[in-house]
């Protein structure tokens, strides 16, 4: 993981979860952090704004999304792929 991307994503997620970024680990899930669907949408919007990317995520059909939200680390990897221009679904592999 690129440290700069990880730091920014951790900061975004921590802000929405009302936590300190130092409390987050890559293995944590959004559920463990207490983030509901509205919190997830806020995280997605903040990622798009921060990194100037379009996140391929449909809140109405999260299971068909090409953006892995299974853990904090998965989100970081997906954002890294978006930033580099690769398909975020490649981050799942």
C-alpha atoms as a PDB file:
ATOM      1  CA  UNK A   1       0.000   0.000   0.000  1.00  0.00           C
ATOM      2  CA  UNK A   2       1.197   3.488  -0.788  1.00  0.00           C
ATOM      3  CA  UNK A   3       1.633   5.285   2.542  1.00  0.00           C
ATOM      4  CA  UNK A   4       0.207   8.591   1.279  1.00  0.00           C
ATOM      5  CA  UNK A   5      -2.988   6.973  -0.055  1.00  0.00           C
ATOM      6  CA  UNK A   6      -3.341   4.812   3.047  1.00  0.00           C
ATOM      7  CA  UNK A   7      -2.935   7.810   5.340  1.00  0.00           C
ATOM      8  CA  UNK A   8      -5.582   9.828   3.491  1.00  0.00           C
ATOM      9  CA  UNK A   9      -8.070   6.947   3.277  1.00  0.00           C
ATOM     10  CA  UNK A  10      -7.570   6.123   6.954  1.00  0.00           C
ATOM     11  CA  UNK A  11      -8.160   9.785   7.778  1.00  0.00           C
ATOM     12  CA  UNK A  12     -11.399   9.878   5.754  1.00  0.00           C
ATOM     13  CA  UNK A  13     -12.748   6.670   7.281  1.00  0.00           C
ATOM     14  CA  UNK A  14     -11.703   7.666  10.798  1.00  0.00           C
ATOM     15  CA  UNK A  15     -13.418  11.041  10.438  1.00  0.00           C
ATOM     16  CA  UNK A  16     -16.689   9.388   9.425  1.00  0.00           C
ATOM     17  CA  UNK A  17     -16.382   6.743  12.170  1.00  0.00           C
ATOM     18  CA  UNK A  18     -15.549   9.401  14.776  1.00  0.00           C
ATOM     19  CA  UNK A  19     -12.257   7.667  15.541  1.00  0.00           C
ATOM     20  CA  UNK A  20      -8.607   8.573  15.546  1.00  0.00           C
ATOM     21  CA  UNK A  21      -6.832   7.276  12.404  1.00  0.00           C
ATOM     22  CA  UNK A  22      -4.312   5.502  14.656  1.00  0.00           C
ATOM     23  CA  UNK A  23      -7.131   3.216  15.856  1.00  0.00           C
ATOM     24  CA  UNK A  24      -7.689   1.802  12.355  1.00  0.00           C
ATOM     25  CA  UNK A  25      -6.045  -1.295  10.938  1.00  0.00           C
ATOM     26  CA  UNK A  26      -6.235  -2.608   7.355  1.00  0.00           C
ATOM     27  CA  UNK A  27      -8.137  -5.687   8.572  1.00  0.00           C
ATOM     28  CA  UNK A  28     -11.007  -3.714  10.160  1.00  0.00           C
ATOM     29  CA  UNK A  29     -14.407  -3.700   8.501  1.00  0.00           C
ATOM     30  CA  UNK A  30     -16.693  -0.710   8.211  1.00  0.00           C
ATOM     31  CA  UNK A  31     -19.192  -2.565  10.396  1.00  0.00           C
ATOM     32  CA  UNK A  32     -16.575  -2.916  13.134  1.00  0.00           C
ATOM     33  CA  UNK A  33     -16.089   0.840  12.937  1.00  0.00           C
ATOM     34  CA  UNK A  34     -19.819   1.453  13.261  1.00  0.00           C
ATOM     35  CA  UNK A  35     -20.268   2.875   9.773  1.00  0.00           C
ATOM     36  CA  UNK A  36     -23.695   2.351   8.266  1.00  0.00           C
ATOM     37  CA  UNK A  37     -24.744   2.840   4.640  1.00  0.00           C
ATOM     38  CA  UNK A  38     -24.950   6.625   5.041  1.00  0.00           C
ATOM     39  CA  UNK A  39     -21.440   6.664   6.518  1.00  0.00           C
ATOM     40  CA  UNK A  40     -20.219   4.568   3.594  1.00  0.00           C
ATOM     41  CA  UNK A  41     -21.704   7.029   1.115  1.00  0.00           C
ATOM     42  CA  UNK A  42     -19.958   9.885   2.938  1.00  0.00           C
ATOM     43  CA  UNK A  43     -16.675   7.950   2.757  1.00  0.00           C
ATOM     44  CA  UNK A  44     -17.155   7.391  -0.990  1.00  0.00           C
ATOM     45  CA  UNK A  45     -17.890  11.082  -1.611  1.00  0.00           C
ATOM     46  CA  UNK A  46     -14.848  12.133   0.425  1.00  0.00           C
ATOM     47  CA  UNK A  47     -12.607   9.687  -1.482  1.00  0.00           C
ATOM     48  CA  UNK A  48     -13.886  11.019  -4.803  1.00  0.00           C
ATOM     49  CA  UNK A  49     -13.266  14.608  -3.741  1.00  0.00           C
ATOM     50  CA  UNK A  50      -9.860  13.973  -2.147  1.00  0.00           C
ATOM     51  CA  UNK A  51      -8.411  11.905  -4.983  1.00  0.00           C
ATOM     52  CA  UNK A  52     -10.383  13.441  -7.886  1.00  0.00           C
ATOM     53  CA  UNK A  53     -11.643  10.020  -8.976  1.00  0.00           C
ATOM     54  CA  UNK A  54     -15.008   8.455  -9.680  1.00  0.00           C
ATOM     55  CA  UNK A  55     -15.673   5.475  -7.429  1.00  0.00           C
ATOM     56  CA  UNK A  56     -17.614   2.715  -9.227  1.00  0.00           C
ATOM     57  CA  UNK A  57     -19.979   2.025  -6.349  1.00  0.00           C
ATOM     58  CA  UNK A  58     -23.766   1.844  -6.357  1.00  0.00           C
ATOM     59  CA  UNK A  59     -25.171   2.114  -2.840  1.00  0.00           C
ATOM     60  CA  UNK A  60     -28.376   0.475  -4.057  1.00  0.00           C
ATOM     61  CA  UNK A  61     -26.463  -2.622  -5.198  1.00  0.00           C
ATOM     62  CA  UNK A  62     -23.267  -2.843  -3.108  1.00  0.00           C
ATOM     63  CA  UNK A  63     -22.762  -6.528  -3.910  1.00  0.00           C
ATOM     64  CA  UNK A  64     -22.396  -5.761  -7.623  1.00  0.00           C
ATOM     65  CA  UNK A  65     -19.933  -2.920  -7.090  1.00  0.00           C
ATOM     66  CA  UNK A  66     -16.497  -2.986  -8.624  1.00  0.00           C
ATOM     67  CA  UNK A  67     -15.116  -1.309  -5.506  1.00  0.00           C
ATOM     68  CA  UNK A  68     -14.165  -3.640  -2.662  1.00  0.00           C
ATOM     69  CA  UNK A  69     -15.440  -2.356   0.693  1.00  0.00           C
ATOM     70  CA  UNK A  70     -14.830  -5.556   2.643  1.00  0.00           C
ATOM     71  CA  UNK A  71     -12.173  -3.929   4.850  1.00  0.00           C
ATOM     72  CA  UNK A  72     -10.252  -0.709   5.360  1.00  0.00           C
ATOM     73  CA  UNK A  73      -7.265  -2.243   3.566  1.00  0.00           C
ATOM     74  CA  UNK A  74      -9.424  -3.325   0.629  1.00  0.00           C
ATOM     75  CA  UNK A  75     -10.690   0.241   0.285  1.00  0.00           C
ATOM     76  CA  UNK A  76      -7.121   1.558   0.316  1.00  0.00           C
ATOM     77  CA  UNK A  77      -6.103  -0.926  -2.420  1.00  0.00           C
ATOM     78  CA  UNK A  78      -9.154  -0.034  -4.527  1.00  0.00           C
ATOM     79  CA  UNK A  79      -8.375   3.684  -4.203  1.00  0.00           C
ATOM     80  CA  UNK A  80      -4.747   3.028  -5.175  1.00  0.00           C
ATOM     81  CA  UNK A  81      -5.979   1.312  -8.336  1.00  0.00           C
ATOM     82  CA  UNK A  82      -8.289   4.222  -9.138  1.00  0.00           C
ATOM     83  CA  UNK A  83      -5.506   6.750  -8.594  1.00  0.00           C
ATOM     84  CA  UNK A  84      -3.142   4.848 -10.905  1.00  0.00           C
ATOM     85  CA  UNK A  85      -5.852   4.407 -13.526  1.00  0.00           C
ATOM     86  CA  UNK A  86      -6.200   0.643 -13.079  1.00  0.00           C
ATOM     87  CA  UNK A  87      -9.524  -1.062 -12.630  1.00  0.00           C
ATOM     88  CA  UNK A  88     -10.504  -1.059  -8.937  1.00  0.00           C
ATOM     89  CA  UNK A  89     -11.826  -4.600  -9.304  1.00  0.00           C
ATOM     90  CA  UNK A  90      -8.220  -5.662  -9.956  1.00  0.00           C
ATOM     91  CA  UNK A  91      -7.582  -4.779  -6.313  1.00  0.00           C
ATOM     92  CA  UNK A  92      -9.730  -7.742  -5.295  1.00  0.00           C
ATOM     93  CA  UNK A  93      -7.351 -10.231  -6.875  1.00  0.00           C
END
